[in-house]
N, C-alpha and C. Protein backbone atom coordinates (compact mmCIF):
# COMPACT_ATOMS: atom_id res chain seq x y z
N MET A 1 10.06 17.22 21.62
CA MET A 1 9.91 18.32 22.41
C MET A 1 9.00 17.87 23.66
N ASP A 2 7.98 17.56 23.18
CA ASP A 2 7.25 16.38 24.09
C ASP A 2 6.70 16.97 25.29
N THR A 3 6.58 18.32 26.06
CA THR A 3 6.65 18.16 27.24
C THR A 3 4.79 18.19 27.26
N ARG A 4 4.84 18.32 28.45
CA ARG A 4 3.23 18.01 28.89
C ARG A 4 2.80 20.00 28.76
N PRO A 5 2.01 20.07 28.15
CA PRO A 5 0.88 21.02 27.72
C PRO A 5 0.07 21.53 29.20
N ASP A 6 0.20 22.67 29.10
CA ASP A 6 -0.50 23.23 30.22
C ASP A 6 -1.98 22.55 30.44
N PRO A 7 -2.83 21.96 31.21
CA PRO A 7 -3.67 21.44 31.24
C PRO A 7 -5.03 22.30 30.81
N ASN A 8 -5.00 23.52 30.97
CA ASN A 8 -5.93 24.71 29.79
C ASN A 8 -5.87 25.12 28.90
N GLU A 9 -4.80 24.83 28.50
CA GLU A 9 -4.89 25.08 26.86
C GLU A 9 -4.84 24.29 25.56
N LYS A 10 -6.22 24.55 24.85
CA LYS A 10 -6.42 23.40 23.75
C LYS A 10 -5.59 22.56 22.79
N LEU A 11 -5.74 21.52 22.72
CA LEU A 11 -4.93 21.05 21.57
C LEU A 11 -5.87 20.51 20.33
N VAL A 12 -5.01 20.64 19.26
CA VAL A 12 -6.14 20.14 18.02
C VAL A 12 -5.26 19.20 17.74
N LYS A 13 -6.42 17.93 17.14
CA LYS A 13 -5.32 16.65 16.53
C LYS A 13 -5.12 17.26 14.90
N VAL A 14 -3.86 17.02 14.32
CA VAL A 14 -3.55 17.58 13.21
C VAL A 14 -3.35 16.20 12.46
N PHE A 15 -2.98 15.27 12.95
CA PHE A 15 -2.26 13.94 12.57
C PHE A 15 -2.74 12.58 13.14
N ASP A 16 -2.85 11.57 12.49
CA ASP A 16 -3.46 10.28 13.43
C ASP A 16 -2.88 9.38 12.10
N CYS A 17 -2.18 8.01 12.32
CA CYS A 17 -1.79 6.78 11.60
C CYS A 17 -1.67 5.71 12.44
N GLU A 18 -1.78 4.91 11.75
CA GLU A 18 -1.61 3.50 12.25
C GLU A 18 -0.38 2.97 13.04
N GLN A 19 0.45 3.17 12.16
CA GLN A 19 1.89 3.43 12.35
C GLN A 19 2.87 4.29 13.34
N GLU A 20 3.35 3.60 14.26
CA GLU A 20 4.19 4.52 15.14
C GLU A 20 5.64 5.42 14.37
N SER A 21 5.97 4.19 13.78
CA SER A 21 7.28 5.15 12.41
C SER A 21 6.69 6.20 11.73
N GLU A 22 5.33 6.35 11.29
CA GLU A 22 5.25 7.16 10.61
C GLU A 22 4.85 8.92 11.31
N ALA A 23 4.13 8.06 12.35
CA ALA A 23 3.87 9.40 13.38
C ALA A 23 5.44 10.12 14.01
N LEU A 24 6.56 9.20 14.27
CA LEU A 24 7.58 9.52 14.94
C LEU A 24 8.31 10.20 13.59
N VAL A 25 8.12 10.64 12.07
CA VAL A 25 8.60 11.23 11.01
C VAL A 25 7.74 12.50 11.42
N VAL A 26 6.44 12.27 11.64
CA VAL A 26 5.83 13.88 11.67
C VAL A 26 6.00 14.16 12.56
N ARG A 27 6.35 14.05 13.68
CA ARG A 27 6.59 14.35 15.04
C ARG A 27 8.10 15.20 14.42
N GLY A 28 8.77 14.36 14.04
CA GLY A 28 10.48 14.99 13.29
C GLY A 28 9.81 16.46 12.87
N LEU A 29 8.95 16.03 11.75
CA LEU A 29 9.13 17.36 10.77
C LEU A 29 8.61 18.61 11.85
N LEU A 30 7.20 18.31 12.43
CA LEU A 30 6.69 19.40 13.30
C LEU A 30 7.64 20.09 14.29
N GLU A 31 8.71 19.39 15.07
CA GLU A 31 9.99 19.74 15.88
C GLU A 31 10.92 20.46 15.52
N SER A 32 11.04 19.92 14.13
CA SER A 32 12.12 21.18 13.25
C SER A 32 11.45 22.25 12.83
N ALA A 33 10.40 22.53 12.93
CA ALA A 33 9.67 23.75 12.59
C ALA A 33 9.50 24.46 14.14
N GLY A 34 10.21 23.61 14.81
CA GLY A 34 9.59 25.06 16.30
C GLY A 34 8.34 24.44 16.57
N ILE A 35 7.53 23.46 16.64
CA ILE A 35 6.05 23.19 16.45
C ILE A 35 6.18 22.39 17.99
N ASP A 36 5.79 22.55 18.81
CA ASP A 36 5.56 21.76 19.91
C ASP A 36 4.05 20.93 19.17
N CYS A 37 4.34 19.35 19.64
CA CYS A 37 3.95 18.29 19.26
C CYS A 37 3.54 17.04 20.14
N PHE A 38 2.45 16.40 20.33
CA PHE A 38 1.97 15.90 21.63
C PHE A 38 1.90 14.76 20.82
N MET A 39 2.08 13.17 21.35
CA MET A 39 2.13 12.19 20.45
C MET A 39 1.51 11.13 21.24
N THR A 40 0.45 11.10 20.86
CA THR A 40 -0.68 9.90 22.31
C THR A 40 -0.83 8.71 21.31
N ALA A 41 -1.47 7.28 22.09
CA ALA A 41 -1.82 6.19 21.68
C ALA A 41 -3.43 6.64 21.08
N GLN A 42 -3.84 5.90 20.40
CA GLN A 42 -5.37 6.00 20.29
C GLN A 42 -5.73 4.69 20.39
N ASP A 43 -6.27 4.68 21.69
CA ASP A 43 -6.89 3.33 22.19
C ASP A 43 -8.29 3.29 22.29
N THR A 44 -8.33 1.70 21.33
CA THR A 44 -9.73 1.41 21.26
C THR A 44 -10.10 0.06 21.97
N ASP A 45 -11.31 0.01 22.07
CA ASP A 45 -11.61 -1.69 22.70
C ASP A 45 -11.30 -2.36 22.06
N GLN A 46 -10.22 -3.41 21.90
CA GLN A 46 -9.56 -4.17 20.99
C GLN A 46 -10.81 -5.53 21.14
N GLU A 47 -11.61 -5.78 21.64
CA GLU A 47 -12.72 -6.93 21.55
C GLU A 47 -13.53 -6.10 20.64
N LEU A 48 -14.15 -5.09 20.69
CA LEU A 48 -14.85 -4.42 19.27
C LEU A 48 -14.19 -3.89 17.97
N PHE A 49 -13.19 -3.57 18.43
CA PHE A 49 -12.53 -2.72 16.99
C PHE A 49 -11.02 -3.22 16.98
N PRO A 50 -10.72 -4.18 16.51
CA PRO A 50 -8.65 -4.56 16.84
C PRO A 50 -7.79 -3.36 15.84
N VAL A 51 -8.51 -2.19 16.46
CA VAL A 51 -7.69 -1.51 15.71
C VAL A 51 -6.62 -0.24 17.21
N GLY A 52 -5.52 0.25 16.72
CA GLY A 52 -4.97 1.03 17.49
C GLY A 52 -4.62 2.40 16.73
N GLY A 53 -3.37 3.04 16.89
CA GLY A 53 -2.93 4.04 16.16
C GLY A 53 -2.16 4.76 16.96
N VAL A 54 -1.90 6.06 16.59
CA VAL A 54 -0.86 7.45 17.34
C VAL A 54 -1.56 8.30 16.54
N LYS A 55 -2.01 9.58 17.60
CA LYS A 55 -2.06 10.74 16.71
C LYS A 55 -1.28 11.86 17.58
N ILE A 56 -1.28 12.57 16.64
CA ILE A 56 -0.16 14.10 16.65
C ILE A 56 -1.13 15.15 17.12
N GLN A 57 -1.17 16.02 18.05
CA GLN A 57 -1.86 16.97 18.41
C GLN A 57 -0.98 18.08 18.78
N VAL A 58 -1.31 19.33 18.28
CA VAL A 58 -0.67 20.51 18.52
C VAL A 58 -1.50 21.10 19.28
N ARG A 59 -1.11 22.79 19.46
CA ARG A 59 -1.81 23.85 20.27
C ARG A 59 -2.23 24.36 19.39
N GLU A 60 -3.36 24.73 19.98
CA GLU A 60 -4.59 25.17 18.71
C GLU A 60 -4.11 26.62 17.70
N GLU A 61 -3.55 27.30 18.11
CA GLU A 61 -2.48 28.20 17.66
C GLU A 61 -1.65 27.46 16.50
N GLN A 62 -0.63 26.43 16.60
CA GLN A 62 0.11 26.12 15.85
C GLN A 62 -0.66 25.41 14.96
N ALA A 63 -1.88 24.99 14.85
CA ALA A 63 -2.43 23.66 14.18
C ALA A 63 -2.76 23.46 12.40
N ASP A 64 -2.96 25.00 12.23
CA ASP A 64 -2.59 25.78 11.02
C ASP A 64 -1.34 25.42 10.26
N GLU A 65 -0.37 25.73 11.18
CA GLU A 65 0.98 25.87 10.39
C GLU A 65 1.56 24.33 10.07
N ALA A 66 1.13 23.88 11.63
CA ALA A 66 1.32 22.14 11.37
C ALA A 66 0.32 21.42 10.16
N ARG A 67 -0.29 21.84 9.88
CA ARG A 67 -1.21 20.56 8.71
C ARG A 67 -0.96 21.00 7.46
N ARG A 68 -0.65 22.61 7.55
CA ARG A 68 0.37 23.43 6.34
C ARG A 68 1.81 22.44 5.68
N LEU A 69 2.56 22.10 6.89
CA LEU A 69 3.71 21.42 6.57
C LEU A 69 3.53 19.95 6.74
N ILE A 70 2.34 19.42 7.03
CA ILE A 70 2.27 18.24 6.86
C ILE A 70 1.85 17.57 5.80
N GLU A 71 0.92 18.60 5.29
CA GLU A 71 0.21 18.49 3.06
C GLU A 71 1.27 18.87 2.72
N GLU A 72 2.44 19.70 2.88
CA GLU A 72 3.47 20.06 2.12
C GLU A 72 4.48 19.08 2.13
N SER A 73 4.95 18.05 2.88
CA SER A 73 5.71 16.99 3.10
C SER A 73 5.06 16.05 2.31
N ARG A 74 3.79 16.19 2.58
CA ARG A 74 2.95 14.41 1.50
C ARG A 74 3.10 14.83 0.45
N ALA A 75 3.05 15.89 -0.43
CA ALA A 75 3.22 15.89 -1.84
C ALA A 75 4.54 16.61 -2.42
N ALA A 76 5.32 17.02 -1.88
CA ALA A 76 6.63 16.67 -1.73
C ALA A 76 6.92 14.50 -2.23
N ALA A 77 6.99 13.96 -1.10
CA ALA A 77 6.96 12.60 -0.97
C ALA A 77 6.42 12.35 -2.60
N GLU A 78 4.90 12.43 -2.63
CA GLU A 78 4.27 11.80 -3.82
C GLU A 78 5.20 12.47 -5.24
N SER A 79 4.97 13.52 -5.17
CA SER A 79 6.66 14.28 -6.40
C SER A 79 7.45 13.46 -6.42
N ASN A 80 8.11 12.88 -5.59
CA ASN A 80 9.43 12.50 -5.75
C ASN A 80 9.06 11.03 -6.24
N LEU A 81 8.32 10.41 -5.92
CA LEU A 81 8.03 9.14 -6.12
C LEU A 81 7.44 8.99 -7.40
N ARG A 82 6.26 9.70 -7.86
CA ARG A 82 5.92 9.78 -9.42
C ARG A 82 7.22 9.96 -10.41
N GLU A 83 8.08 10.61 -9.99
CA GLU A 83 9.62 10.95 -10.57
C GLU A 83 10.69 9.70 -11.08
N ALA A 84 10.39 9.26 -9.46
CA ALA A 84 11.48 8.12 -9.53
C ALA A 84 10.81 6.91 -10.45
N SER A 85 9.22 6.99 -10.24
CA SER A 85 8.62 5.78 -11.03
C SER A 85 8.50 6.34 -12.32
N ALA A 86 8.78 7.59 -12.78
CA ALA A 86 8.84 7.55 -14.33
C ALA A 86 10.10 7.19 -15.15
N ASP A 87 11.31 7.48 -14.04
CA ASP A 87 12.63 7.55 -14.37
C ASP A 87 13.05 5.65 -14.37
N ALA A 88 12.41 4.98 -13.91
CA ALA A 88 12.14 3.27 -13.89
C ALA A 88 11.92 3.07 -15.04
N LEU A 89 10.76 3.68 -15.23
CA LEU A 89 9.96 3.28 -16.62
C LEU A 89 10.78 3.52 -17.94
N SER A 90 11.41 4.66 -17.87
CA SER A 90 12.48 5.34 -18.80
C SER A 90 13.76 4.93 -19.27
N GLU A 91 14.02 3.71 -18.27
CA GLU A 91 15.27 3.23 -17.97
C GLU A 91 15.34 1.85 -18.92
N GLU A 92 16.10 1.97 -20.16
CA GLU A 92 16.54 0.85 -20.65
C GLU A 92 16.69 -0.57 -19.96
N PRO A 93 16.04 -1.53 -20.60
CA PRO A 93 16.60 -2.92 -19.86
C PRO A 93 17.67 -3.47 -20.06
N PRO A 94 18.27 -3.85 -19.04
CA PRO A 94 20.31 -4.36 -19.31
C PRO A 94 20.22 -5.48 -20.28
N ARG A 95 21.19 -5.12 -21.17
CA ARG A 95 21.33 -6.05 -22.38
C ARG A 95 22.19 -7.32 -21.72
N GLN A 96 21.72 -8.71 -22.32
CA GLN A 96 22.42 -10.11 -21.94
C GLN A 96 23.30 -10.48 -22.95
C-alpha cells in the first residue's frame, strides 16, 4: 500500500528492526489485514552509531490493531519453533 500519508495525520511507530527482510514480512502481515503502513529507513550517523534499520509506522487509529497482529504473529512463530524443537528431540536417531 505505502501511499504517502496526509502530512497532517499522526503516524505511530509499531515495529522496527535491523533487517529489511524482516520488516517486509511485517509489512505484508499488516497490509494483508488492511492496515496501511509506511516503511522508512532509520538513518543514524554512521560515524557515531554504525547501525541502521527499518521502522514501520501506521496511522494512529490503527496502531493498537497493528501491534496486536505483530504480537500474535510472533507468539505463533515461537510456538511453532518450540513444537518443531520438541519433535526433533523426540525422534529416534537413525540406525546404522
